[in-house]
PDB file of N, CA and C in Angstrom:
ATOM      1  N   MET A   1    -142.931  72.486-142.572  1.00  0.00           N
ATOM      2  CA  MET A   1    -143.417  72.107-141.968  1.00  0.00           C
ATOM      3  C   MET A   1    -141.554  70.714-141.932  1.00  0.00           C
ATOM      4  N   ILE A   2    -141.942  70.436-140.479  1.00  0.00           N
ATOM      5  CA  ILE A   2    -141.117  69.713-139.770  1.00  0.00           C
ATOM      6  C   ILE A   2    -141.198  68.242-139.720  1.00  0.00           C
ATOM      7  N   GLN A   3    -140.870  66.895-139.866  1.00  0.00           N
ATOM      8  CA  GLN A   3    -140.807  66.132-140.175  1.00  0.00           C
ATOM      9  C   GLN A   3    -139.700  65.483-139.017  1.00  0.00           C
ATOM     10  N   ARG A   4    -140.193  64.046-138.137  1.00  0.00           N
ATOM     11  CA  ARG A   4    -138.768  64.328-137.508  1.00  0.00           C
ATOM     12  C   ARG A   4    -138.773  62.463-137.505  1.00  0.00           C
ATOM     13  N   PHE A   5    -137.989  61.916-137.253  1.00  0.00           N
ATOM     14  CA  PHE A   5    -137.613  60.645-136.681  1.00  0.00           C
ATOM     15  C   PHE A   5    -137.277  59.855-135.273  1.00  0.00           C
ATOM     16  N   GLY A   6    -137.819  59.426-135.152  1.00  0.00           N
ATOM     17  CA  GLY A   6    -137.174  59.152-133.900  1.00  0.00           C
ATOM     18  C   GLY A   6    -138.367  58.059-132.530  1.00  0.00           C
ATOM     19  N   PRO A   7    -137.745  58.352-131.037  1.00  0.00           N
ATOM     20  CA  PRO A   7    -136.095  58.207-130.552  1.00  0.00           C
ATOM     21  C   PRO A   7    -135.433  58.014-131.073  1.00  0.00           C
ATOM     22  N   SER A   8    -134.227  57.639-131.322  1.00  0.00           N
ATOM     23  CA  SER A   8    -133.141  56.998-131.416  1.00  0.00           C
ATOM     24  C   SER A   8    -133.345  55.606-130.748  1.00  0.00           C
ATOM     25  N   ARG A   9    -132.094  55.518-130.925  1.00  0.00           N
ATOM     26  CA  ARG A   9    -132.387  53.964-130.212  1.00  0.00           C
ATOM     27  C   ARG A   9    -131.203  54.160-128.740  1.00  0.00           C
ATOM     28  N   LEU A  10    -130.222  55.054-128.938  1.00  0.00           N
ATOM     29  CA  LEU A  10    -129.229  55.664-128.205  1.00  0.00           C
ATOM     30  C   LEU A  10    -130.542  56.503-126.923  1.00  0.00           C
ATOM     31  N   SER A  11    -131.175  57.029-127.215  1.00  0.00           N
ATOM     32  CA  SER A  11    -131.691  57.847-126.024  1.00  0.00           C
ATOM     33  C   SER A  11    -133.554  58.060-126.172  1.00  0.00           C
ATOM     34  N   PRO A  12    -133.623  58.209-125.432  1.00  0.00           N
ATOM     35  CA  PRO A  12    -135.425  58.373-126.083  1.00  0.00           C
ATOM     36  C   PRO A  12    -135.933  59.826-125.897  1.00  0.00           C
ATOM     37  N   THR A  13    -134.895  60.687-126.048  1.00  0.00           N
ATOM     38  CA  THR A  13    -134.886  62.323-125.927  1.00  0.00           C
ATOM     39  C   THR A  13    -134.329  62.716-127.297  1.00  0.00           C
ATOM     40  N   ARG A  14    -133.607  62.052-127.754  1.00  0.00           N
ATOM     41  CA  ARG A  14    -132.506  62.051-129.470  1.00  0.00           C
ATOM     42  C   ARG A  14    -133.741  61.824-130.040  1.00  0.00           C
ATOM     43  N   GLY A  15    -133.656  62.508-131.673  1.00  0.00           N
ATOM     44  CA  GLY A  15    -134.117  61.982-132.665  1.00  0.00           C
ATOM     45  C   GLY A  15    -132.986  61.080-133.533  1.00  0.00           C
ATOM     46  N   ARG A  16    -133.415  60.360-134.466  1.00  0.00           N
ATOM     47  CA  ARG A  16    -132.944  59.925-135.522  1.00  0.00           C
ATOM     48  C   ARG A  16    -132.498  60.785-136.858  1.00  0.00           C
ATOM     49  N   SER A  17    -133.811  61.609-137.032  1.00  0.00           N
ATOM     50  CA  SER A  17    -133.299  62.162-138.780  1.00  0.00           C
ATOM     51  C   SER A  17    -134.626  63.216-137.774  1.00  0.00           C
ATOM     52  N   VAL A  18    -134.152  64.870-138.913  1.00  0.00           N
ATOM     53  CA  VAL A  18    -134.926  65.204-139.764  1.00  0.00           C
ATOM     54  C   VAL A  18    -135.197  66.616-140.673  1.00  0.00           C
ATOM     55  N   ILE A  19    -136.483  66.237-140.983  1.00  0.00           N
ATOM     56  CA  ILE A  19    -136.569  66.426-142.381  1.00  0.00           C
ATOM     57  C   ILE A  19    -137.365  67.856-142.079  1.00  0.00           C
ATOM     58  N   HIS A  20    -136.955  69.235-142.928  1.00  0.00           N
ATOM     59  CA  HIS A  20    -137.705  70.425-143.156  1.00  0.00           C
ATOM     60  C   HIS A  20    -136.566  71.426-144.680  1.00  0.00           C
ATOM     61  N   ASN A  21    -137.765  71.582-145.219  1.00  0.00           N
ATOM     62  CA  ASN A  21    -137.101  71.898-146.487  1.00  0.00           C
ATOM     63  C   ASN A  21    -136.722  71.478-147.471  1.00  0.00           C
ATOM     64  N   GLY A  22    -136.617  69.957-147.601  1.00  0.00           N
ATOM     65  CA  GLY A  22    -136.415  69.705-149.059  1.00  0.00           C
ATOM     66  C   GLY A  22    -135.309  68.848-148.360  1.00  0.00           C
ATOM     67  N   VAL A  23    -134.359  69.082-147.062  1.00  0.00           N
ATOM     68  CA  VAL A  23    -132.952  68.371-146.536  1.00  0.00           C
ATOM     69  C   VAL A  23    -133.414  67.166-145.462  1.00  0.00           C
ATOM     70  N   VAL A  24    -132.766  66.512-145.474  1.00  0.00           N
ATOM     71  CA  VAL A  24    -132.890  65.930-144.145  1.00  0.00           C
ATOM     72  C   VAL A  24    -131.280  65.659-143.452  1.00  0.00           C
ATOM     73  N   THR A  25    -131.780  65.674-141.901  1.00  0.00           N
ATOM     74  CA  THR A  25    -130.150  65.491-141.050  1.00  0.00           C
ATOM     75  C   THR A  25    -129.953  63.689-140.260  1.00  0.00           C
ATOM     76  N   THR A  26    -129.563  63.656-140.340  1.00  0.00           N
ATOM     77  CA  THR A  26    -129.299  62.162-139.431  1.00  0.00           C
ATOM     78  C   THR A  26    -127.718  62.131-139.048  1.00  0.00           C
ATOM     79  N   VAL A  27    -128.247  61.006-137.757  1.00  0.00           N
ATOM     80  CA  VAL A  27    -127.259  60.818-137.147  1.00  0.00           C
ATOM     81  C   VAL A  27    -127.067  59.376-136.781  1.00  0.00           C
ATOM     82  N   ALA A  28    -125.114  58.805-136.660  1.00  0.00           N
ATOM     83  CA  ALA A  28    -125.727  57.506-136.620  1.00  0.00           C
ATOM     84  C   ALA A  28    -124.691  56.974-135.934  1.00  0.00           C
ATOM     85  N   THR A  29    -124.248  55.662-135.197  1.00  0.00           N
ATOM     86  CA  THR A  29    -122.937  55.701-134.186  1.00  0.00           C
ATOM     87  C   THR A  29    -122.901  54.342-134.929  1.00  0.00           C
ATOM     88  N   ALA A  30    -121.988  53.229-134.991  1.00  0.00           N
ATOM     89  CA  ALA A  30    -122.591  51.657-134.279  1.00  0.00           C
ATOM     90  C   ALA A  30    -123.473  51.489-133.255  1.00  0.00           C
ATOM     91  N   THR A  31    -123.857  49.904-134.362  1.00  0.00           N
ATOM     92  CA  THR A  31    -124.887  49.583-133.193  1.00  0.00           C
ATOM     93  C   THR A  31    -124.582  48.655-132.571  1.00  0.00           C
ATOM     94  N   THR A  32    -123.065  47.541-133.173  1.00  0.00           N
ATOM     95  CA  THR A  32    -122.049  46.840-132.105  1.00  0.00           C
ATOM     96  C   THR A  32    -121.325  47.491-131.747  1.00  0.00           C
ATOM     97  N   LYS A  33    -120.541  47.830-130.843  1.00  0.00           N
ATOM     98  CA  LYS A  33    -119.657  48.748-130.070  1.00  0.00           C
ATOM     99  C   LYS A  33    -117.889  47.513-129.739  1.00  0.00           C
ATOM    100  N   GLN A  34    -117.584  47.284-131.498  1.00  0.00           N
ATOM    101  CA  GLN A  34    -116.170  46.635-131.457  1.00  0.00           C
ATOM    102  C   GLN A  34    -115.535  47.453-131.265  1.00  0.00           C
ATOM    103  N   PRO A  35    -114.118  46.434-131.335  1.00  0.00           N
ATOM    104  CA  PRO A  35    -112.825  47.752-130.781  1.00  0.00           C
ATOM    105  C   PRO A  35    -112.133  48.047-132.019  1.00  0.00           C
ATOM    106  N   SER A  36    -112.523  47.853-133.282  1.00  0.00           N
ATOM    107  CA  SER A  36    -112.169  48.568-134.717  1.00  0.00           C
ATOM    108  C   SER A  36    -112.876  49.507-135.287  1.00  0.00           C
ATOM    109  N   LEU A  37    -112.129  50.815-135.108  1.00  0.00           N
ATOM    110  CA  LEU A  37    -112.706  52.136-135.807  1.00  0.00           C
ATOM    111  C   LEU A  37    -113.261  51.883-136.798  1.00  0.00           C
ATOM    112  N   TYR A  38    -112.422  51.011-137.997  1.00  0.00           N
ATOM    113  CA  TYR A  38    -113.237  50.744-139.909  1.00  0.00           C
ATOM    114  C   TYR A  38    -114.779  49.680-139.450  1.00  0.00           C
ATOM    115  N   ALA A  39    -114.880  48.811-138.442  1.00  0.00           N
ATOM    116  CA  ALA A  39    -116.008  47.576-138.308  1.00  0.00           C
ATOM    117  C   ALA A  39    -117.452  48.847-137.364  1.00  0.00           C
ATOM    118  N   GLN A  40    -117.338  49.785-137.032  1.00  0.00           N
ATOM    119  CA  GLN A  40    -117.683  50.916-136.165  1.00  0.00           C
ATOM    120  C   GLN A  40    -118.117  51.367-137.408  1.00  0.00           C
ATOM    121  N   ALA A  41    -117.343  52.110-138.019  1.00  0.00           N
ATOM    122  CA  ALA A  41    -118.069  53.543-139.094  1.00  0.00           C
ATOM    123  C   ALA A  41    -118.601  52.273-140.190  1.00  0.00           C
ATOM    124  N   ALA A  42    -118.139  51.294-140.332  1.00  0.00           N
ATOM    125  CA  ALA A  42    -119.040  51.235-141.637  1.00  0.00           C
ATOM    126  C   ALA A  42    -120.521  50.036-141.187  1.00  0.00           C
ATOM    127  N   ASP A  43    -120.653  49.691-140.391  1.00  0.00           N
ATOM    128  CA  ASP A  43    -121.879  49.935-138.844  1.00  0.00           C
ATOM    129  C   ASP A  43    -122.342  50.375-139.267  1.00  0.00           C
ATOM    130  N   ALA A  44    -122.006  52.116-138.018  1.00  0.00           N
ATOM    131  CA  ALA A  44    -122.835  53.623-138.298  1.00  0.00           C
ATOM    132  C   ALA A  44    -122.796  53.852-139.598  1.00  0.00           C
ATOM    133  N   LEU A  45    -121.940  53.811-141.380  1.00  0.00           N
ATOM    134  CA  LEU A  45    -122.595  53.903-142.386  1.00  0.00           C
ATOM    135  C   LEU A  45    -124.143  53.147-142.349  1.00  0.00           C
ATOM    136  N   ALA A  46    -123.526  52.040-142.713  1.00  0.00           N
ATOM    137  CA  ALA A  46    -125.290  51.105-142.513  1.00  0.00           C
ATOM    138  C   ALA A  46    -126.102  51.526-141.514  1.00  0.00           C
ATOM    139  N   VAL A  47    -126.037  52.666-140.640  1.00  0.00           N
ATOM    140  CA  VAL A  47    -127.937  53.284-140.269  1.00  0.00           C
ATOM    141  C   VAL A  47    -127.754  54.234-141.052  1.00  0.00           C
ATOM    142  N   ILE A  48    -126.614  55.071-141.688  1.00  0.00           N
ATOM    143  CA  ILE A  48    -126.855  55.450-142.003  1.00  0.00           C
ATOM    144  C   ILE A  48    -128.071  55.599-143.309  1.00  0.00           C
ATOM    145  N   ASP A  49    -127.275  54.440-143.770  1.00  0.00           N
ATOM    146  CA  ASP A  49    -128.146  53.909-145.011  1.00  0.00           C
ATOM    147  C   ASP A  49    -129.292  53.673-144.668  1.00  0.00           C
ATOM    148  N   ARG A  50    -129.542  53.130-143.332  1.00  0.00           N
ATOM    149  CA  ARG A  50    -131.454  53.192-143.305  1.00  0.00           C
ATOM    150  C   ARG A  50    -131.908  54.005-142.843  1.00  0.00           C
ATOM    151  N   ASN A  51    -131.418  54.906-142.173  1.00  0.00           N
ATOM    152  CA  ASN A  51    -132.387  56.756-142.013  1.00  0.00           C
ATOM    153  C   ASN A  51    -132.376  56.987-142.965  1.00  0.00           C
ATOM    154  N   LEU A  52    -131.551  57.253-143.871  1.00  0.00           N
ATOM    155  CA  LEU A  52    -131.784  57.663-145.105  1.00  0.00           C
ATOM    156  C   LEU A  52    -133.374  56.890-146.243  1.00  0.00           C
ATOM    157  N   VAL A  53    -132.974  56.235-145.617  1.00  0.00           N
ATOM    158  CA  VAL A  53    -134.223  54.920-146.806  1.00  0.00           C
ATOM    159  C   VAL A  53    -135.084  55.477-146.458  1.00  0.00           C
ATOM    160  N   GLU A  54    -135.699  55.192-145.028  1.00  0.00           N
ATOM    161  CA  GLU A  54    -137.202  56.041-143.657  1.00  0.00           C
ATOM    162  C   GLU A  54    -137.429  57.188-144.470  1.00  0.00           C
ATOM    163  N   ALA A  55    -136.368  58.550-144.494  1.00  0.00           N
ATOM    164  CA  ALA A  55    -136.940  59.940-144.515  1.00  0.00           C
ATOM    165  C   ALA A  55    -137.107  59.863-146.349  1.00  0.00           C
ATOM    166  N   GLY A  56    -136.772  58.597-146.964  1.00  0.00           N
ATOM    167  CA  GLY A  56    -137.142  58.697-148.331  1.00  0.00           C
ATOM    168  C   GLY A  56    -135.505  59.166-149.572  1.00  0.00           C
ATOM    169  N   THR A  57    -135.155  59.024-149.271  1.00  0.00           N
ATOM    170  CA  THR A  57    -133.974  59.052-150.251  1.00  0.00           C
ATOM    171  C   THR A  57    -132.761  58.313-149.896  1.00  0.00           C
ATOM    172  N   ASP A  58    -131.673  58.045-150.568  1.00  0.00           N
ATOM    173  CA  ASP A  58    -130.375  57.859-150.075  1.00  0.00           C
ATOM    174  C   ASP A  58    -129.242  58.342-150.330  1.00  0.00           C
ATOM    175  N   LYS A  59    -127.931  57.563-150.173  1.00  0.00           N
ATOM    176  CA  LYS A  59    -126.076  57.773-150.333  1.00  0.00           C
ATOM    177  C   LYS A  59    -126.214  59.215-151.319  1.00  0.00           C
ATOM    178  N   SER A  60    -126.434  58.774-152.562  1.00  0.00           N
ATOM    179  CA  SER A  60    -126.305  59.502-153.698  1.00  0.00           C
ATOM    180  C   SER A  60    -126.592  61.241-153.563  1.00  0.00           C
ATOM    181  N   ARG A  61    -128.049  61.511-152.901  1.00  0.00           N
ATOM    182  CA  ARG A  61    -128.094  62.736-152.925  1.00  0.00           C
ATOM    183  C   ARG A  61    -127.484  63.164-150.596  1.00  0.00           C
ATOM    184  N   ILE A  62    -126.308  62.727-150.494  1.00  0.00           N
ATOM    185  CA  ILE A  62    -125.758  63.367-149.424  1.00  0.00           C
ATOM    186  C   ILE A  62    -125.007  64.748-150.063  1.00  0.00           C
ATOM    187  N   LEU A  63    -125.595  65.359-149.422  1.00  0.00           N
ATOM    188  CA  LEU A  63    -125.153  67.098-149.399  1.00  0.00           C
ATOM    189  C   LEU A  63    -123.433  66.922-148.780  1.00  0.00           C
ATOM    190  N   THR A  64    -123.558  66.953-146.977  1.00  0.00           N
ATOM    191  CA  THR A  64    -122.662  66.933-146.053  1.00  0.00           C
ATOM    192  C   THR A  64    -121.991  65.833-145.260  1.00  0.00           C
ATOM    193  N   ALA A  65    -121.056  65.474-145.192  1.00  0.00           N
ATOM    194  CA  ALA A  65    -121.266  64.707-143.828  1.00  0.00           C
ATOM    195  C   ALA A  65    -120.175  65.011-142.818  1.00  0.00           C
ATOM    196  N   MET A  66    -120.357  65.129-141.211  1.00  0.00           N
ATOM    197  CA  MET A  66    -119.086  65.269-140.229  1.00  0.00           C
ATOM    198  C   MET A  66    -119.156  64.235-139.375  1.00  0.00           C
ATOM    199  N   VAL A  67    -117.425  63.704-139.699  1.00  0.00           N
ATOM    200  CA  VAL A  67    -117.407  62.474-138.927  1.00  0.00           C
ATOM    201  C   VAL A  67    -116.491  63.091-137.862  1.00  0.00           C
ATOM    202  N   TYR A  68    -116.996  61.993-136.470  1.00  0.00           N
ATOM    203  CA  TYR A  68    -116.850  62.366-135.127  1.00  0.00           C
ATOM    204  C   TYR A  68    -115.852  61.332-134.980  1.00  0.00           C
ATOM    205  N   ILE A  69    -114.535  60.824-134.606  1.00  0.00           N
ATOM    206  CA  ILE A  69    -113.602  60.190-133.991  1.00  0.00           C
ATOM    207  C   ILE A  69    -112.505  60.121-133.181  1.00  0.00           C
ATOM    208  N   THR A  70    -112.765  59.064-132.431  1.00  0.00           N
ATOM    209  CA  THR A  70    -111.924  59.389-130.824  1.00  0.00           C
ATOM    210  C   THR A  70    -111.064  59.816-131.599  1.00  0.00           C
ATOM    211  N   ASP A  71    -109.836  59.139-132.278  1.00  0.00           N
ATOM    212  CA  ASP A  71    -108.143  58.813-132.458  1.00  0.00           C
ATOM    213  C   ASP A  71    -108.229  58.776-134.353  1.00  0.00           C
ATOM    214  N   MET A  72    -107.397  59.858-134.013  1.00  0.00           N
ATOM    215  CA  MET A  72    -106.861  60.701-135.568  1.00  0.00           C
ATOM    216  C   MET A  72    -106.475  60.078-135.528  1.00  0.00           C
ATOM    217  N   ARG A  73    -105.553  58.919-135.638  1.00  0.00           N
ATOM    218  CA  ARG A  73    -104.323  58.186-135.988  1.00  0.00           C
ATOM    219  C   ARG A  73    -105.087  56.986-136.178  1.00  0.00           C
ATOM    220  N   ASN A  74    -106.754  56.896-136.317  1.00  0.00           N
ATOM    221  CA  ASN A  74    -107.185  55.354-136.803  1.00  0.00           C
ATOM    222  C   ASN A  74    -107.852  55.736-138.042  1.00  0.00           C
ATOM    223  N   LYS A  75    -107.782  57.591-138.332  1.00  0.00           N
ATOM    224  CA  LYS A  75    -108.574  57.307-140.041  1.00  0.00           C
ATOM    225  C   LYS A  75    -108.129  56.961-140.937  1.00  0.00           C
ATOM    226  N   PRO A  76    -107.011  56.236-141.534  1.00  0.00           N
ATOM    227  CA  PRO A  76    -106.795  55.406-142.104  1.00  0.00           C
ATOM    228  C   PRO A  76    -108.042  54.432-142.080  1.00  0.00           C
ATOM    229  N   GLU A  77    -108.367  53.876-140.956  1.00  0.00           N
ATOM    230  CA  GLU A  77    -109.465  52.881-141.485  1.00  0.00           C
ATOM    231  C   GLU A  77    -111.266  53.144-141.660  1.00  0.00           C
ATOM    232  N   LEU A  78    -111.169  54.709-141.169  1.00  0.00           N
ATOM    233  CA  LEU A  78    -112.695  54.815-140.819  1.00  0.00           C
ATOM    234  C   LEU A  78    -112.353  55.368-142.784  1.00  0.00           C
ATOM    235  N   ASN A  79    -111.231  55.911-143.070  1.00  0.00           N
ATOM    236  CA  ASN A  79    -111.371  56.538-144.768  1.00  0.00           C
ATOM    237  C   ASN A  79    -111.671  54.969-145.091  1.00  0.00           C
ATOM    238  N   ARG A  80    -110.995  53.876-145.299  1.00  0.00           N
ATOM    239  CA  ARG A  80    -111.233  52.968-145.794  1.00  0.00           C
ATOM    240  C   ARG A  80    -112.862  52.831-145.761  1.00  0.00           C
ATOM    241  N   ALA A  81    -113.637  52.497-144.460  1.00  0.00           N
ATOM    242  CA  ALA A  81    -115.611  52.209-144.074  1.00  0.00           C
ATOM    243  C   ALA A  81    -115.502  53.412-145.130  1.00  0.00           C
ATOM    244  N   TRP A  82    -115.475  54.280-145.745  1.00  0.00           N
ATOM    245  CA  TRP A  82    -116.180  55.078-146.191  1.00  0.00           C
ATOM    246  C   TRP A  82    -115.804  55.227-147.892  1.00  0.00           C
ATOM    247  N   ASP A  83    -114.237  54.828-148.072  1.00  0.00           N
ATOM    248  CA  ASP A  83    -114.530  54.328-149.501  1.00  0.00           C
ATOM    249  C   ASP A  83    -115.308  53.472-149.825  1.00  0.00           C
ATOM    250  N   GLU A  84    -115.402  52.479-149.045  1.00  0.00           N
ATOM    251  CA  GLU A  84    -116.432  51.511-150.265  1.00  0.00           C
ATOM    252  C   GLU A  84    -117.608  51.503-149.574  1.00  0.00           C
ATOM    253  N   TRP A  85    -117.830  52.524-149.641  1.00  0.00           N
ATOM    254  CA  TRP A  85    -119.636  52.847-149.144  1.00  0.00           C
ATOM    255  C   TRP A  85    -119.702  53.975-150.039  1.00  0.00           C
ATOM    256  N   VAL A  86    -119.686  55.151-149.738  1.00  0.00           N
ATOM    257  CA  VAL A  86    -119.744  56.256-150.038  1.00  0.00           C
ATOM    258  C   VAL A  86    -119.565  56.093-151.691  1.00  0.00           C
ATOM    259  N   ASP A  87    -121.068  56.771-152.453  1.00  0.00           N
ATOM    260  CA  ASP A  87    -121.662  56.889-153.402  1.00  0.00           C
ATOM    261  C   ASP A  87    -119.865  57.906-154.724  1.00  0.00           C
ATOM    262  N   ARG A  88    -120.011  56.813-155.447  1.00  0.00           N
ATOM    263  CA  ARG A  88    -118.511  58.132-155.940  1.00  0.00           C
ATOM    264  C   ARG A  88    -119.183  58.477-157.238  1.00  0.00           C
ATOM    265  N   ALA A  89    -120.357  58.064-157.511  1.00  0.00           N
ATOM    266  CA  ALA A  89    -120.537  59.423-158.584  1.00  0.00           C
ATOM    267  C   ALA A  89    -121.694  60.500-158.070  1.00  0.00           C
ATOM    268  N   ASN A  90    -121.828  60.980-157.069  1.00  0.00           N
ATOM    269  CA  ASN A  90    -122.331  62.135-156.131  1.00  0.00           C
ATOM    270  C   ASN A  90    -121.324  61.667-154.855  1.00  0.00           C
ATOM    271  N   LEU A  91    -120.280  62.845-154.744  1.00  0.00           N
ATOM    272  CA  LEU A  91    -119.457  63.184-153.259  1.00  0.00           C
ATOM    273  C   LEU A  91    -119.641  63.684-153.172  1.00  0.00           C
ATOM    274  N   PRO A  92    -120.177  63.989-151.715  1.00  0.00           N
ATOM    275  CA  PRO A  92    -120.353  64.680-150.575  1.00  0.00           C
ATOM    276  C   PRO A  92    -119.190  65.234-150.339  1.00  0.00           C
ATOM    277  N   MET A  93    -119.724  66.520-149.130  1.00  0.00           N
ATOM    278  CA  MET A  93    -118.006  67.019-149.048  1.00  0.00           C
ATOM    279  C   MET A  93    -118.460  66.503-147.543  1.00  0.00           C
ATOM    280  N   ARG A  94    -116.843  66.569-146.930  1.00  0.00           N
ATOM    281  CA  ARG A  94    -117.301  65.208-145.704  1.00  0.00           C
ATOM    282  C   ARG A  94    -115.613  65.998-144.738  1.00  0.00           C
ATOM    283  N   ALA A  95    -116.411  66.112-143.467  1.00  0.00           N
ATOM    284  CA  ALA A  95    -115.002  66.552-142.658  1.00  0.00           C
ATOM    285  C   ALA A  95    -114.606  65.691-141.617  1.00  0.00           C
ATOM    286  N   CYS A  96    -113.935  65.665-141.055  1.00  0.00           N
ATOM    287  CA  CYS A  96    -113.713  64.910-140.161  1.00  0.00           C
ATOM    288  C   CYS A  96    -113.169  65.467-139.146  1.00  0.00           C
ATOM    289  N   LEU A  97    -112.880  65.231-137.292  1.00  0.00           N
ATOM    290  CA  LEU A  97    -112.999  65.568-136.612  1.00  0.00           C
ATOM    291  C   LEU A  97    -112.995  64.521-135.307  1.00  0.00           C
ATOM    292  N   GLY A  98    -111.389  64.791-134.665  1.00  0.00           N
ATOM    293  CA  GLY A  98    -111.189  64.175-133.421  1.00  0.00           C
ATOM    294  C   GLY A  98    -111.898  64.988-132.669  1.00  0.00           C
ATOM    295  N   VAL A  99    -112.737  63.713-131.663  1.00  0.00           N
ATOM    296  CA  VAL A  99    -113.774  63.974-130.253  1.00  0.00           C
ATOM    297  C   VAL A  99    -113.550  62.838-129.531  1.00  0.00           C
ATOM    298  N   ASP A 100    -113.765  63.571-127.914  1.00  0.00           N
ATOM    299  CA  ASP A 100    -114.078  62.768-127.059  1.00  0.00           C
ATOM    300  C   ASP A 100    -115.665  62.189-127.273  1.00  0.00           C
ATOM    301  N   LEU A 101    -115.906  60.822-127.266  1.00  0.00           N
ATOM    302  CA  LEU A 101    -117.301  60.305-127.745  1.00  0.00           C
ATOM    303  C   LEU A 101    -118.002  59.682-125.959  1.00  0.00           C
ATOM    304  N   GLU A 102    -118.788  59.164-126.133  1.00  0.00           N
ATOM    305  CA  GLU A 102    -119.120  58.499-125.023  1.00  0.00           C
ATOM    306  C   GLU A 102    -118.520  57.004-124.740  1.00  0.00           C
ATOM    307  N   GLY A 103    -118.846  56.633-123.751  1.00  0.00           N
ATOM    308  CA  GLY A 103    -119.197  54.643-123.765  1.00  0.00           C
ATOM    309  C   GLY A 103    -117.950  54.076-125.102  1.00  0.00           C
ATOM    310  N   ASP A 104    -118.434  53.244-125.731  1.00  0.00           N
ATOM    311  CA  ASP A 104    -117.246  52.348-126.138  1.00  0.00           C
ATOM    312  C   ASP A 104    -117.600  52.760-127.912  1.00  0.00           C
ATOM    313  N   ASP A 105    -117.884  54.272-127.832  1.00  0.00           N
ATOM    314  CA  ASP A 105    -118.222  54.627-129.600  1.00  0.00           C
ATOM    315  C   ASP A 105    -117.085  55.219-130.018  1.00  0.00           C
ATOM    316  N   LEU A 106    -116.503  54.442-131.150  1.00  0.00           N
ATOM    317  CA  LEU A 106    -115.181  55.049-131.997  1.00  0.00           C
ATOM    318  C   LEU A 106    -115.950  56.328-133.242  1.00  0.00           C
ATOM    319  N   VAL A 107    -116.783  56.356-133.298  1.00  0.00           N
ATOM    320  CA  VAL A 107    -117.388  57.169-134.487  1.00  0.00           C
ATOM    321  C   VAL A 107    -118.429  57.730-133.915  1.00  0.00           C
ATOM    322  N   GLU A 108    -119.057  58.530-134.649  1.00  0.00           N
ATOM    323  CA  GLU A 108    -120.463  59.353-134.237  1.00  0.00           C
ATOM    324  C   GLU A 108    -119.519  60.497-135.872  1.00  0.00           C
ATOM    325  N   ILE A 109    -121.399  60.001-137.011  1.00  0.00           N
ATOM    326  CA  ILE A 109    -122.024  60.179-138.242  1.00  0.00           C
ATOM    327  C   ILE A 109    -123.230  61.549-138.260  1.00  0.00           C
ATOM    328  N   VAL A 110    -122.658  62.513-138.791  1.00  0.00           N
ATOM    329  CA  VAL A 110    -123.600  63.083-138.887  1.00  0.00           C
ATOM    330  C   VAL A 110    -123.739  63.730-140.578  1.00  0.00           C
ATOM    331  N   VAL A 111    -125.236  62.758-141.477  1.00  0.00           N
ATOM    332  CA  VAL A 111    -124.924  63.876-142.727  1.00  0.00           C
ATOM    333  C   VAL A 111    -126.399  64.408-143.401  1.00  0.00           C
ATOM    334  N   THR A 112    -126.517  65.433-143.721  1.00  0.00           N
ATOM    335  CA  THR A 112    -126.871  66.090-144.524  1.00  0.00           C
ATOM    336  C   THR A 112    -127.481  65.695-145.990  1.00  0.00           C
ATOM    337  N   ALA A 113    -128.947  65.563-146.162  1.00  0.00           N
ATOM    338  CA  ALA A 113    -128.747  65.074-147.707  1.00  0.00           C
ATOM    339  C   ALA A 113    -130.388  66.183-148.340  1.00  0.00           C
ATOM    340  N   ALA A 114    -130.907  65.851-149.385  1.00  0.00           N
ATOM    341  CA  ALA A 114    -131.493  66.327-150.509  1.00  0.00           C
ATOM    342  C   ALA A 114    -132.905  65.252-150.508  1.00  0.00           C
ATOM    343  N   VAL A 115    -133.797  65.709-150.059  1.00  0.00           N
ATOM    344  CA  VAL A 115    -135.330  64.405-150.323  1.00  0.00           C
ATOM    345  C   VAL A 115    -134.984  64.185-151.514  1.00  0.00           C
TER     346      VAL A 115
END
């Protein structure tokens, strides 16, 4: 069975989260488009928290995270937000890529977690 949560606040044709085989995949961007990568990352991570709770899990069960940022020179700002947020007793695998994002988005985060 596949369980879908959505649509996302960004688009009526995109889901927030999908659960299959005991694994949830969810995506988030910041709800406010502040010019700070740190602020956007912290906001997006809070959205990830809400999405995980909605799916019946939490950040302690995250397996992987893919973080997309618009400017790799600002990666220390992302790292600061991540380090303040991550469950240090249950560290997930994380990768960070520099990409072009739409509009004023500076970060987009995709995580998979056990349910």
